[in-house]
PDB file of N, CA and C in Angstrom:
ATOM      1  N   MET A   1     -50.798  21.081  33.856  1.00  0.00           N
ATOM      2  CA  MET A   1     -49.903  21.598  34.866  1.00  0.00           C
ATOM      3  C   MET A   1     -49.032  22.682  34.235  1.00  0.00           C
ATOM      4  N   GLN A   2     -49.029  23.853  34.814  1.00  0.00           N
ATOM      5  CA  GLN A   2     -48.181  24.937  34.317  1.00  0.00           C
ATOM      6  C   GLN A   2     -47.257  25.385  35.446  1.00  0.00           C
ATOM      7  N   LYS A   3     -45.979  25.569  35.094  1.00  0.00           N
ATOM      8  CA  LYS A   3     -44.978  26.016  36.061  1.00  0.00           C
ATOM      9  C   LYS A   3     -44.057  27.016  35.392  1.00  0.00           C
ATOM     10  N   THR A   4     -43.467  27.875  36.195  1.00  0.00           N
ATOM     11  CA  THR A   4     -42.500  28.839  35.694  1.00  0.00           C
ATOM     12  C   THR A   4     -41.257  28.783  36.566  1.00  0.00           C
ATOM     13  N   ASN A   5     -40.100  28.881  35.912  1.00  0.00           N
ATOM     14  CA  ASN A   5     -38.830  28.865  36.621  1.00  0.00           C
ATOM     15  C   ASN A   5     -37.859  29.756  35.871  1.00  0.00           C
ATOM     16  N   ARG A   6     -37.414  30.784  36.512  1.00  0.00           N
ATOM     17  CA  ARG A   6     -36.430  31.691  35.940  1.00  0.00           C
ATOM     18  C   ARG A   6     -36.919  32.279  34.630  1.00  0.00           C
ATOM     19  N   ASN A   7     -36.304  31.955  33.502  1.00  0.00           N
ATOM     20  CA  ASN A   7     -36.662  32.539  32.209  1.00  0.00           C
ATOM     21  C   ASN A   7     -37.519  31.628  31.342  1.00  0.00           C
ATOM     22  N   CYS A   8     -38.056  30.578  31.915  1.00  0.00           N
ATOM     23  CA  CYS A   8     -38.773  29.591  31.116  1.00  0.00           C
ATOM     24  C   CYS A   8     -40.063  29.182  31.827  1.00  0.00           C
ATOM     25  N   SER A   9     -41.122  29.023  31.041  1.00  0.00           N
ATOM     26  CA  SER A   9     -42.345  28.465  31.597  1.00  0.00           C
ATOM     27  C   SER A   9     -42.661  27.172  30.863  1.00  0.00           C
ATOM     28  N   LEU A  10     -43.355  26.298  31.558  1.00  0.00           N
ATOM     29  CA  LEU A  10     -43.603  24.953  31.080  1.00  0.00           C
ATOM     30  C   LEU A  10     -45.051  24.596  31.330  1.00  0.00           C
ATOM     31  N   PHE A  11     -45.712  24.087  30.306  1.00  0.00           N
ATOM     32  CA  PHE A  11     -47.061  23.560  30.454  1.00  0.00           C
ATOM     33  C   PHE A  11     -47.025  22.127  29.956  1.00  0.00           C
ATOM     34  N   ILE A  12     -47.497  21.202  30.776  1.00  0.00           N
ATOM     35  CA  ILE A  12     -47.564  19.803  30.365  1.00  0.00           C
ATOM     36  C   ILE A  12     -49.012  19.367  30.432  1.00  0.00           C
ATOM     37  N   SER A  13     -49.540  18.946  29.284  1.00  0.00           N
ATOM     38  CA  SER A  13     -50.906  18.435  29.211  1.00  0.00           C
ATOM     39  C   SER A  13     -50.871  16.950  29.514  1.00  0.00           C
ATOM     40  N   GLU A  14     -51.579  16.560  30.543  1.00  0.00           N
ATOM     41  CA  GLU A  14     -51.627  15.155  30.927  1.00  0.00           C
ATOM     42  C   GLU A  14     -52.911  14.499  30.440  1.00  0.00           C
ATOM     43  N   ASP A  15     -53.679  15.201  29.618  1.00  0.00           N
ATOM     44  CA  ASP A  15     -54.966  14.692  29.146  1.00  0.00           C
ATOM     45  C   ASP A  15     -54.837  13.442  28.294  1.00  0.00           C
ATOM     46  N   GLY A  16     -53.766  13.359  27.513  1.00  0.00           N
ATOM     47  CA  GLY A  16     -53.608  12.223  26.606  1.00  0.00           C
ATOM     48  C   GLY A  16     -53.208  10.934  27.284  1.00  0.00           C
ATOM     49  N   GLY A  17     -52.812  11.013  28.562  1.00  0.00           N
ATOM     50  CA  GLY A  17     -52.411   9.815  29.290  1.00  0.00           C
ATOM     51  C   GLY A  17     -51.279   9.090  28.599  1.00  0.00           C
ATOM     52  N   SER A  18     -51.492   7.825  28.290  1.00  0.00           N
ATOM     53  CA  SER A  18     -50.424   7.023  27.688  1.00  0.00           C
ATOM     54  C   SER A  18     -50.303   7.225  26.182  1.00  0.00           C
ATOM     55  N   GLU A  19     -51.232   7.947  25.583  1.00  0.00           N
ATOM     56  CA  GLU A  19     -51.164   8.179  24.143  1.00  0.00           C
ATOM     57  C   GLU A  19     -50.162   9.275  23.788  1.00  0.00           C
ATOM     58  N   GLU A  20     -50.406  10.496  24.292  1.00  0.00           N
ATOM     59  CA  GLU A  20     -49.548  11.614  23.942  1.00  0.00           C
ATOM     60  C   GLU A  20     -49.363  12.543  25.130  1.00  0.00           C
ATOM     61  N   LEU A  21     -48.135  12.944  25.323  1.00  0.00           N
ATOM     62  CA  LEU A  21     -47.797  13.929  26.340  1.00  0.00           C
ATOM     63  C   LEU A  21     -47.392  15.193  25.598  1.00  0.00           C
ATOM     64  N   LEU A  22     -48.104  16.286  25.839  1.00  0.00           N
ATOM     65  CA  LEU A  22     -47.804  17.553  25.180  1.00  0.00           C
ATOM     66  C   LEU A  22     -47.077  18.459  26.157  1.00  0.00           C
ATOM     67  N   VAL A  23     -45.900  18.920  25.746  1.00  0.00           N
ATOM     68  CA  VAL A  23     -45.081  19.811  26.558  1.00  0.00           C
ATOM     69  C   VAL A  23     -44.929  21.115  25.783  1.00  0.00           C
ATOM     70  N   VAL A  24     -45.439  22.213  26.352  1.00  0.00           N
ATOM     71  CA  VAL A  24     -45.351  23.519  25.703  1.00  0.00           C
ATOM     72  C   VAL A  24     -44.370  24.358  26.509  1.00  0.00           C
ATOM     73  N   LEU A  25     -43.317  24.828  25.828  1.00  0.00           N
ATOM     74  CA  LEU A  25     -42.289  25.622  26.485  1.00  0.00           C
ATOM     75  C   LEU A  25     -42.323  27.049  25.966  1.00  0.00           C
ATOM     76  N   LYS A  26     -42.071  28.008  26.875  1.00  0.00           N
ATOM     77  CA  LYS A  26     -42.009  29.417  26.506  1.00  0.00           C
ATOM     78  C   LYS A  26     -40.839  30.062  27.211  1.00  0.00           C
ATOM     79  N   GLY A  27     -40.214  31.011  26.517  1.00  0.00           N
ATOM     80  CA  GLY A  27     -39.102  31.741  27.119  1.00  0.00           C
ATOM     81  C   GLY A  27     -37.768  31.301  26.575  1.00  0.00           C
ATOM     82  N   GLU A  28     -36.822  31.038  27.482  1.00  0.00           N
ATOM     83  CA  GLU A  28     -35.456  30.703  27.102  1.00  0.00           C
ATOM     84  C   GLU A  28     -35.041  29.378  27.723  1.00  0.00           C
ATOM     85  N   ILE A  29     -34.295  28.597  26.946  1.00  0.00           N
ATOM     86  CA  ILE A  29     -33.739  27.354  27.484  1.00  0.00           C
ATOM     87  C   ILE A  29     -32.227  27.522  27.563  1.00  0.00           C
ATOM     88  N   ASP A  30     -31.751  27.629  28.802  1.00  0.00           N
ATOM     89  CA  ASP A  30     -30.318  27.682  29.065  1.00  0.00           C
ATOM     90  C   ASP A  30     -30.002  26.572  30.061  1.00  0.00           C
ATOM     91  N   HIS A  31     -28.797  26.552  30.585  1.00  0.00           N
ATOM     92  CA  HIS A  31     -28.394  25.476  31.497  1.00  0.00           C
ATOM     93  C   HIS A  31     -29.350  25.334  32.682  1.00  0.00           C
ATOM     94  N   HIS A  32     -29.692  26.434  33.320  1.00  0.00           N
ATOM     95  CA  HIS A  32     -30.528  26.382  34.520  1.00  0.00           C
ATOM     96  C   HIS A  32     -31.937  25.901  34.217  1.00  0.00           C
ATOM     97  N   SER A  33     -32.548  26.455  33.187  1.00  0.00           N
ATOM     98  CA  SER A  33     -33.919  26.047  32.873  1.00  0.00           C
ATOM     99  C   SER A  33     -33.949  24.633  32.297  1.00  0.00           C
ATOM    100  N   ALA A  34     -32.915  24.216  31.570  1.00  0.00           N
ATOM    101  CA  ALA A  34     -32.895  22.879  30.976  1.00  0.00           C
ATOM    102  C   ALA A  34     -32.922  21.792  32.053  1.00  0.00           C
ATOM    103  N   VAL A  35     -32.204  21.997  33.133  1.00  0.00           N
ATOM    104  CA  VAL A  35     -32.181  21.021  34.228  1.00  0.00           C
ATOM    105  C   VAL A  35     -33.580  20.892  34.828  1.00  0.00           C
ATOM    106  N   TRP A  36     -34.220  22.012  35.071  1.00  0.00           N
ATOM    107  CA  TRP A  36     -35.561  22.015  35.646  1.00  0.00           C
ATOM    108  C   TRP A  36     -36.579  21.384  34.696  1.00  0.00           C
ATOM    109  N   VAL A  37     -36.551  21.766  33.420  1.00  0.00           N
ATOM    110  CA  VAL A  37     -37.481  21.228  32.423  1.00  0.00           C
ATOM    111  C   VAL A  37     -37.285  19.721  32.284  1.00  0.00           C
ATOM    112  N   ARG A  38     -36.034  19.284  32.223  1.00  0.00           N
ATOM    113  CA  ARG A  38     -35.742  17.854  32.109  1.00  0.00           C
ATOM    114  C   ARG A  38     -36.376  17.058  33.242  1.00  0.00           C
ATOM    115  N   THR A  39     -36.230  17.547  34.448  1.00  0.00           N
ATOM    116  CA  THR A  39     -36.786  16.856  35.608  1.00  0.00           C
ATOM    117  C   THR A  39     -38.305  16.744  35.514  1.00  0.00           C
ATOM    118  N   GLU A  40     -38.947  17.841  35.140  1.00  0.00           N
ATOM    119  CA  GLU A  40     -40.412  17.854  35.025  1.00  0.00           C
ATOM    120  C   GLU A  40     -40.909  16.897  33.941  1.00  0.00           C
ATOM    121  N   ILE A  41     -40.271  16.937  32.776  1.00  0.00           N
ATOM    122  CA  ILE A  41     -40.703  16.085  31.670  1.00  0.00           C
ATOM    123  C   ILE A  41     -40.433  14.613  31.980  1.00  0.00           C
ATOM    124  N   ASP A  42     -39.253  14.306  32.492  1.00  0.00           N
ATOM    125  CA  ASP A  42     -38.912  12.908  32.781  1.00  0.00           C
ATOM    126  C   ASP A  42     -39.876  12.283  33.772  1.00  0.00           C
ATOM    127  N   GLU A  43     -40.293  13.057  34.751  1.00  0.00           N
ATOM    128  CA  GLU A  43     -41.235  12.522  35.740  1.00  0.00           C
ATOM    129  C   GLU A  43     -42.539  12.110  35.055  1.00  0.00           C
ATOM    130  N   LYS A  44     -43.013  12.922  34.124  1.00  0.00           N
ATOM    131  CA  LYS A  44     -44.263  12.609  33.414  1.00  0.00           C
ATOM    132  C   LYS A  44     -44.072  11.442  32.447  1.00  0.00           C
ATOM    133  N   ILE A  45     -42.937  11.405  31.767  1.00  0.00           N
ATOM    134  CA  ILE A  45     -42.682  10.290  30.845  1.00  0.00           C
ATOM    135  C   ILE A  45     -42.662   8.973  31.609  1.00  0.00           C
ATOM    136  N   MET A  46     -41.998   8.950  32.738  1.00  0.00           N
ATOM    137  CA  MET A  46     -41.914   7.715  33.510  1.00  0.00           C
ATOM    138  C   MET A  46     -43.253   7.350  34.142  1.00  0.00           C
ATOM    139  N   ARG A  47     -44.056   8.336  34.483  1.00  0.00           N
ATOM    140  CA  ARG A  47     -45.366   8.061  35.068  1.00  0.00           C
ATOM    141  C   ARG A  47     -46.343   7.520  34.022  1.00  0.00           C
ATOM    142  N   TYR A  48     -46.424   8.174  32.872  1.00  0.00           N
ATOM    143  CA  TYR A  48     -47.432   7.827  31.866  1.00  0.00           C
ATOM    144  C   TYR A  48     -46.939   6.893  30.765  1.00  0.00           C
ATOM    145  N   ARG A  49     -45.641   6.879  30.516  1.00  0.00           N
ATOM    146  CA  ARG A  49     -45.060   6.076  29.438  1.00  0.00           C
ATOM    147  C   ARG A  49     -45.845   6.274  28.134  1.00  0.00           C
ATOM    148  N   PRO A  50     -45.902   7.526  27.669  1.00  0.00           N
ATOM    149  CA  PRO A  50     -46.694   7.817  26.465  1.00  0.00           C
ATOM    150  C   PRO A  50     -46.064   7.219  25.212  1.00  0.00           C
ATOM    151  N   SER A  51     -46.893   6.981  24.216  1.00  0.00           N
ATOM    152  CA  SER A  51     -46.358   6.475  22.952  1.00  0.00           C
ATOM    153  C   SER A  51     -45.722   7.619  22.156  1.00  0.00           C
ATOM    154  N   ARG A  52     -46.096   8.856  22.508  1.00  0.00           N
ATOM    155  CA  ARG A  52     -45.560  10.028  21.788  1.00  0.00           C
ATOM    156  C   ARG A  52     -45.489  11.209  22.762  1.00  0.00           C
ATOM    157  N   THR A  53     -44.351  11.882  22.766  1.00  0.00           N
ATOM    158  CA  THR A  53     -44.210  13.130  23.517  1.00  0.00           C
ATOM    159  C   THR A  53     -43.909  14.229  22.517  1.00  0.00           C
ATOM    160  N   VAL A  54     -44.717  15.287  22.571  1.00  0.00           N
ATOM    161  CA  VAL A  54     -44.543  16.423  21.671  1.00  0.00           C
ATOM    162  C   VAL A  54     -44.027  17.596  22.495  1.00  0.00           C
ATOM    163  N   MET A  55     -42.877  18.129  22.088  1.00  0.00           N
ATOM    164  CA  MET A  55     -42.325  19.324  22.726  1.00  0.00           C
ATOM    165  C   MET A  55     -42.576  20.500  21.788  1.00  0.00           C
ATOM    166  N   ASP A  56     -43.503  21.363  22.166  1.00  0.00           N
ATOM    167  CA  ASP A  56     -43.840  22.542  21.359  1.00  0.00           C
ATOM    168  C   ASP A  56     -42.884  23.667  21.741  1.00  0.00           C
ATOM    169  N   LEU A  57     -42.031  24.054  20.786  1.00  0.00           N
ATOM    170  CA  LEU A  57     -41.032  25.089  21.031  1.00  0.00           C
ATOM    171  C   LEU A  57     -41.406  26.421  20.397  1.00  0.00           C
ATOM    172  N   SER A  58     -42.647  26.570  19.958  1.00  0.00           N
ATOM    173  CA  SER A  58     -43.052  27.800  19.270  1.00  0.00           C
ATOM    174  C   SER A  58     -42.882  29.039  20.141  1.00  0.00           C
ATOM    175  N   GLY A  59     -42.883  28.884  21.452  1.00  0.00           N
ATOM    176  CA  GLY A  59     -42.728  30.010  22.362  1.00  0.00           C
ATOM    177  C   GLY A  59     -41.305  30.206  22.873  1.00  0.00           C
ATOM    178  N   ILE A  60     -40.351  29.463  22.334  1.00  0.00           N
ATOM    179  CA  ILE A  60     -38.958  29.585  22.780  1.00  0.00           C
ATOM    180  C   ILE A  60     -38.240  30.629  21.931  1.00  0.00           C
ATOM    181  N   SER A  61     -37.693  31.631  22.595  1.00  0.00           N
ATOM    182  CA  SER A  61     -37.002  32.714  21.894  1.00  0.00           C
ATOM    183  C   SER A  61     -35.488  32.511  21.860  1.00  0.00           C
ATOM    184  N   PHE A  62     -34.952  31.708  22.789  1.00  0.00           N
ATOM    185  CA  PHE A  62     -33.506  31.479  22.868  1.00  0.00           C
ATOM    186  C   PHE A  62     -33.261  30.063  23.358  1.00  0.00           C
ATOM    187  N   MET A  63     -32.242  29.425  22.777  1.00  0.00           N
ATOM    188  CA  MET A  63     -31.846  28.106  23.236  1.00  0.00           C
ATOM    189  C   MET A  63     -30.359  27.939  22.966  1.00  0.00           C
ATOM    190  N   ASP A  64     -29.621  27.493  23.967  1.00  0.00           N
ATOM    191  CA  ASP A  64     -28.205  27.216  23.758  1.00  0.00           C
ATOM    192  C   ASP A  64     -27.995  25.707  23.685  1.00  0.00           C
ATOM    193  N   SER A  65     -26.764  25.262  23.817  1.00  0.00           N
ATOM    194  CA  SER A  65     -26.466  23.830  23.693  1.00  0.00           C
ATOM    195  C   SER A  65     -27.164  22.990  24.760  1.00  0.00           C
ATOM    196  N   SER A  66     -27.556  23.604  25.853  1.00  0.00           N
ATOM    197  CA  SER A  66     -28.303  22.880  26.884  1.00  0.00           C
ATOM    198  C   SER A  66     -29.646  22.399  26.341  1.00  0.00           C
ATOM    199  N   GLY A  67     -30.209  23.165  25.431  1.00  0.00           N
ATOM    200  CA  GLY A  67     -31.472  22.772  24.797  1.00  0.00           C
ATOM    201  C   GLY A  67     -31.300  21.551  23.914  1.00  0.00           C
ATOM    202  N   ILE A  68     -30.168  21.480  23.215  1.00  0.00           N
ATOM    203  CA  ILE A  68     -29.867  20.298  22.396  1.00  0.00           C
ATOM    204  C   ILE A  68     -29.775  19.068  23.308  1.00  0.00           C
ATOM    205  N   GLY A  69     -29.073  19.221  24.419  1.00  0.00           N
ATOM    206  CA  GLY A  69     -28.956  18.126  25.379  1.00  0.00           C
ATOM    207  C   GLY A  69     -30.307  17.733  25.952  1.00  0.00           C
ATOM    208  N   LEU A  70     -31.142  18.726  26.231  1.00  0.00           N
ATOM    209  CA  LEU A  70     -32.486  18.469  26.747  1.00  0.00           C
ATOM    210  C   LEU A  70     -33.279  17.622  25.757  1.00  0.00           C
ATOM    211  N   ILE A  71     -33.248  18.002  24.506  1.00  0.00           N
ATOM    212  CA  ILE A  71     -34.011  17.276  23.486  1.00  0.00           C
ATOM    213  C   ILE A  71     -33.434  15.884  23.250  1.00  0.00           C
ATOM    214  N   MET A  72     -32.125  15.771  23.147  1.00  0.00           N
ATOM    215  CA  MET A  72     -31.508  14.456  22.933  1.00  0.00           C
ATOM    216  C   MET A  72     -31.806  13.509  24.095  1.00  0.00           C
ATOM    217  N   GLY A  73     -31.759  14.037  25.296  1.00  0.00           N
ATOM    218  CA  GLY A  73     -32.059  13.216  26.464  1.00  0.00           C
ATOM    219  C   GLY A  73     -33.502  12.736  26.484  1.00  0.00           C
ATOM    220  N   ARG A  74     -34.441  13.607  26.076  1.00  0.00           N
ATOM    221  CA  ARG A  74     -35.852  13.204  26.051  1.00  0.00           C
ATOM    222  C   ARG A  74     -36.090  12.211  24.913  1.00  0.00           C
ATOM    223  N   HIS A  75     -35.339  12.359  23.818  1.00  0.00           N
ATOM    224  CA  HIS A  75     -35.411  11.391  22.721  1.00  0.00           C
ATOM    225  C   HIS A  75     -34.995  10.010  23.231  1.00  0.00           C
ATOM    226  N   THR A  76     -33.877   9.963  23.935  1.00  0.00           N
ATOM    227  CA  THR A  76     -33.378   8.706  24.496  1.00  0.00           C
ATOM    228  C   THR A  76     -34.365   8.133  25.508  1.00  0.00           C
ATOM    229  N   ARG A  77     -34.920   8.986  26.348  1.00  0.00           N
ATOM    230  CA  ARG A  77     -35.887   8.547  27.360  1.00  0.00           C
ATOM    231  C   ARG A  77     -37.129   7.954  26.701  1.00  0.00           C
ATOM    232  N   MET A  78     -37.611   8.615  25.646  1.00  0.00           N
ATOM    233  CA  MET A  78     -38.789   8.105  24.937  1.00  0.00           C
ATOM    234  C   MET A  78     -38.490   6.773  24.256  1.00  0.00           C
ATOM    235  N   GLN A  79     -37.317   6.632  23.691  1.00  0.00           N
ATOM    236  CA  GLN A  79     -36.945   5.349  23.089  1.00  0.00           C
ATOM    237  C   GLN A  79     -36.945   4.247  24.141  1.00  0.00           C
ATOM    238  N   ALA A  80     -36.489   4.566  25.351  1.00  0.00           N
ATOM    239  CA  ALA A  80     -36.424   3.585  26.429  1.00  0.00           C
ATOM    240  C   ALA A  80     -37.808   3.076  26.834  1.00  0.00           C
ATOM    241  N   VAL A  81     -38.835   3.919  26.670  1.00  0.00           N
ATOM    242  CA  VAL A  81     -40.200   3.489  27.017  1.00  0.00           C
ATOM    243  C   VAL A  81     -40.982   3.067  25.776  1.00  0.00           C
ATOM    244  N   GLY A  82     -40.284   2.955  24.647  1.00  0.00           N
ATOM    245  CA  GLY A  82     -40.922   2.491  23.421  1.00  0.00           C
ATOM    246  C   GLY A  82     -41.731   3.554  22.704  1.00  0.00           C
ATOM    247  N   GLY A  83     -41.405   4.822  22.947  1.00  0.00           N
ATOM    248  CA  GLY A  83     -42.163   5.909  22.343  1.00  0.00           C
ATOM    249  C   GLY A  83     -41.333   6.778  21.417  1.00  0.00           C
ATOM    250  N   LEU A  84     -41.963   7.834  20.940  1.00  0.00           N
ATOM    251  CA  LEU A  84     -41.367   8.750  19.971  1.00  0.00           C
ATOM    252  C   LEU A  84     -41.395  10.177  20.520  1.00  0.00           C
ATOM    253  N   LEU A  85     -40.318  10.905  20.306  1.00  0.00           N
ATOM    254  CA  LEU A  85     -40.273  12.329  20.644  1.00  0.00           C
ATOM    255  C   LEU A  85     -40.443  13.129  19.366  1.00  0.00           C
ATOM    256  N   VAL A  86     -41.322  14.128  19.419  1.00  0.00           N
ATOM    257  CA  VAL A  86     -41.535  15.034  18.300  1.00  0.00           C
ATOM    258  C   VAL A  86     -41.304  16.448  18.803  1.00  0.00           C
ATOM    259  N   VAL A  87     -40.519  17.228  18.059  1.00  0.00           N
ATOM    260  CA  VAL A  87     -40.309  18.639  18.383  1.00  0.00           C
ATOM    261  C   VAL A  87     -41.164  19.438  17.409  1.00  0.00           C
ATOM    262  N   ARG A  88     -41.989  20.323  17.954  1.00  0.00           N
ATOM    263  CA  ARG A  88     -42.922  21.077  17.123  1.00  0.00           C
ATOM    264  C   ARG A  88     -42.576  22.559  17.106  1.00  0.00           C
ATOM    265  N   GLU A  89     -42.585  23.124  15.917  1.00  0.00           N
ATOM    266  CA  GLU A  89     -42.521  24.563  15.671  1.00  0.00           C
ATOM    267  C   GLU A  89     -41.317  25.319  16.252  1.00  0.00           C
ATOM    268  N   PRO A  90     -40.091  24.800  16.064  1.00  0.00           N
ATOM    269  CA  PRO A  90     -38.958  25.636  16.467  1.00  0.00           C
ATOM    270  C   PRO A  90     -38.858  26.830  15.516  1.00  0.00           C
ATOM    271  N   ASN A  91     -38.438  27.987  16.023  1.00  0.00           N
ATOM    272  CA  ASN A  91     -38.298  29.143  15.133  1.00  0.00           C
ATOM    273  C   ASN A  91     -37.085  28.934  14.215  1.00  0.00           C
ATOM    274  N   GLU A  92     -36.890  29.846  13.274  1.00  0.00           N
ATOM    275  CA  GLU A  92     -35.830  29.695  12.276  1.00  0.00           C
ATOM    276  C   GLU A  92     -34.442  29.606  12.909  1.00  0.00           C
ATOM    277  N   ARG A  93     -34.191  30.421  13.917  1.00  0.00           N
ATOM    278  CA  ARG A  93     -32.881  30.427  14.586  1.00  0.00           C
ATOM    279  C   ARG A  93     -32.613  29.090  15.277  1.00  0.00           C
ATOM    280  N   ILE A  94     -33.623  28.571  15.966  1.00  0.00           N
ATOM    281  CA  ILE A  94     -33.469  27.295  16.664  1.00  0.00           C
ATOM    282  C   ILE A  94     -33.372  26.150  15.657  1.00  0.00           C
ATOM    283  N   MET A  95     -34.115  26.248  14.576  1.00  0.00           N
ATOM    284  CA  MET A  95     -34.037  25.226  13.532  1.00  0.00           C
ATOM    285  C   MET A  95     -32.628  25.154  12.957  1.00  0.00           C
ATOM    286  N   LYS A  96     -31.995  26.297  12.797  1.00  0.00           N
ATOM    287  CA  LYS A  96     -30.607  26.346  12.290  1.00  0.00           C
ATOM    288  C   LYS A  96     -29.667  25.620  13.262  1.00  0.00           C
ATOM    289  N   ILE A  97     -29.861  25.831  14.555  1.00  0.00           N
ATOM    290  CA  ILE A  97     -29.064  25.145  15.569  1.00  0.00           C
ATOM    291  C   ILE A  97     -29.263  23.635  15.452  1.00  0.00           C
ATOM    292  N   PHE A  98     -30.527  23.208  15.285  1.00  0.00           N
ATOM    293  CA  PHE A  98     -30.829  21.779  15.134  1.00  0.00           C
ATOM    294  C   PHE A  98     -30.098  21.199  13.924  1.00  0.00           C
ATOM    295  N   GLU A  99     -30.143  21.924  12.807  1.00  0.00           N
ATOM    296  CA  GLU A  99     -29.510  21.447  11.585  1.00  0.00           C
ATOM    297  C   GLU A  99     -27.998  21.348  11.751  1.00  0.00           C
ATOM    298  N   LEU A 100     -27.381  22.367  12.343  1.00  0.00           N
ATOM    299  CA  LEU A 100     -25.931  22.352  12.558  1.00  0.00           C
ATOM    300  C   LEU A 100     -25.503  21.228  13.493  1.00  0.00           C
ATOM    301  N   ALA A 101     -26.346  20.926  14.486  1.00  0.00           N
ATOM    302  CA  ALA A 101     -26.031  19.871  15.448  1.00  0.00           C
ATOM    303  C   ALA A 101     -26.385  18.480  14.920  1.00  0.00           C
ATOM    304  N   GLY A 102     -27.065  18.405  13.780  1.00  0.00           N
ATOM    305  CA  GLY A 102     -27.465  17.112  13.235  1.00  0.00           C
ATOM    306  C   GLY A 102     -28.698  16.536  13.903  1.00  0.00           C
ATOM    307  N   LEU A 103     -29.371  17.340  14.695  1.00  0.00           N
ATOM    308  CA  LEU A 103     -30.538  16.874  15.444  1.00  0.00           C
ATOM    309  C   LEU A 103     -31.707  16.499  14.528  1.00  0.00           C
ATOM    310  N   THR A 104     -31.811  17.154  13.383  1.00  0.00           N
ATOM    311  CA  THR A 104     -32.923  16.881  12.466  1.00  0.00           C
ATOM    312  C   THR A 104     -32.824  15.489  11.841  1.00  0.00           C
ATOM    313  N   ARG A 105     -31.664  14.867  11.917  1.00  0.00           N
ATOM    314  CA  ARG A 105     -31.513  13.497  11.411  1.00  0.00           C
ATOM    315  C   ARG A 105     -31.917  12.470  12.457  1.00  0.00           C
ATOM    316  N   ILE A 106     -32.105  12.911  13.687  1.00  0.00           N
ATOM    317  CA  ILE A 106     -32.376  11.992  14.788  1.00  0.00           C
ATOM    318  C   ILE A 106     -33.794  12.144  15.329  1.00  0.00           C
ATOM    319  N   VAL A 107     -34.238  13.369  15.467  1.00  0.00           N
ATOM    320  CA  VAL A 107     -35.534  13.671  16.097  1.00  0.00           C
ATOM    321  C   VAL A 107     -36.512  14.174  15.041  1.00  0.00           C
ATOM    322  N   SER A 108     -37.752  13.765  15.164  1.00  0.00           N
ATOM    323  CA  SER A 108     -38.800  14.227  14.259  1.00  0.00           C
ATOM    324  C   SER A 108     -39.158  15.678  14.583  1.00  0.00           C
ATOM    325  N   VAL A 109     -39.152  16.536  13.550  1.00  0.00           N
ATOM    326  CA  VAL A 109     -39.471  17.955  13.730  1.00  0.00           C
ATOM    327  C   VAL A 109     -40.702  18.280  12.883  1.00  0.00           C
ATOM    328  N   GLU A 110     -41.735  18.812  13.517  1.00  0.00           N
ATOM    329  CA  GLU A 110     -42.951  19.239  12.818  1.00  0.00           C
ATOM    330  C   GLU A 110     -42.935  20.750  12.693  1.00  0.00           C
ATOM    331  N   ARG A 111     -43.156  21.225  11.471  1.00  0.00           N
ATOM    332  CA  ARG A 111     -43.166  22.668  11.232  1.00  0.00           C
ATOM    333  C   ARG A 111     -44.406  23.020  10.420  1.00  0.00           C
ATOM    334  N   GLU A 112     -45.545  23.039  11.057  1.00  0.00           N
ATOM    335  CA  GLU A 112     -46.823  23.294  10.401  1.00  0.00           C
ATOM    336  C   GLU A 112     -46.895  24.663   9.746  1.00  0.00           C
ATOM    337  N   SER A 113     -46.342  25.679  10.368  1.00  0.00           N
ATOM    338  CA  SER A 113     -46.440  27.024   9.807  1.00  0.00           C
ATOM    339  C   SER A 113     -45.750  27.103   8.452  1.00  0.00           C
ATOM    340  N   ARG A 114     -44.669  26.377   8.266  1.00  0.00           N
ATOM    341  CA  ARG A 114     -43.984  26.356   6.968  1.00  0.00           C
ATOM    342  C   ARG A 114     -44.856  25.657   5.935  1.00  0.00           C
ATOM    343  N   LYS A 115     -45.559  24.599   6.330  1.00  0.00           N
ATOM    344  CA  LYS A 115     -46.433  23.893   5.404  1.00  0.00           C
ATOM    345  C   LYS A 115     -47.571  24.798   4.947  1.00  0.00           C
ATOM    346  N   ARG A 116     -48.122  25.553   5.881  1.00  0.00           N
ATOM    347  CA  ARG A 116     -49.241  26.455   5.538  1.00  0.00           C
ATOM    348  C   ARG A 116     -48.788  27.533   4.556  1.00  0.00           C
ATOM    349  N   ARG A 117     -47.543  27.955   4.648  1.00  0.00           N
ATOM    350  CA  ARG A 117     -47.022  28.984   3.753  1.00  0.00           C
ATOM    351  C   ARG A 117     -46.530  28.393   2.435  1.00  0.00           C
ATOM    352  N   GLY A 118     -46.691  27.073   2.259  1.00  0.00           N
ATOM    353  CA  GLY A 118     -46.299  26.450   1.009  1.00  0.00           C
ATOM    354  C   GLY A 118     -44.841  26.064   0.938  1.00  0.00           C
ATOM    355  N   ARG A 119     -44.159  25.988   2.095  1.00  0.00           N
ATOM    356  CA  ARG A 119     -42.739  25.596   2.098  1.00  0.00           C
ATOM    357  C   ARG A 119     -42.563  24.309   2.865  1.00  0.00           C
ATOM    358  N   ALA A 120     -43.274  23.286   2.526  1.00  0.00           N
ATOM    359  CA  ALA A 120     -43.200  21.992   3.221  1.00  0.00           C
ATOM    360  C   ALA A 120     -41.797  21.509   3.167  1.00  0.00           C
TER     361      ALA A 120
END
């Protein structure tokens, strides 16, 4: 399922069913897009109750504090259904925001591109 709203587009792969829910985001996450994205993701989490939800942020160019709230809320939602939230491929600027907010101590962050470049 792919949808676009304002400055953000969202693709949710439902192929994994209860195993893994893949959410690919592109564009910008601000207050308006965060509310919309949250609603879309929560509906799928509650429907499928996946053991793992992966939020791919490789296509996100901007994120404000609403993005932190979006991720923390999905982390809490996944814990409620007995699952894990993983954030994949945030860019350097967004990673800095995560570190300053302490999000990296709470949510699992995968950064494959750094591993490939030898900076695991």
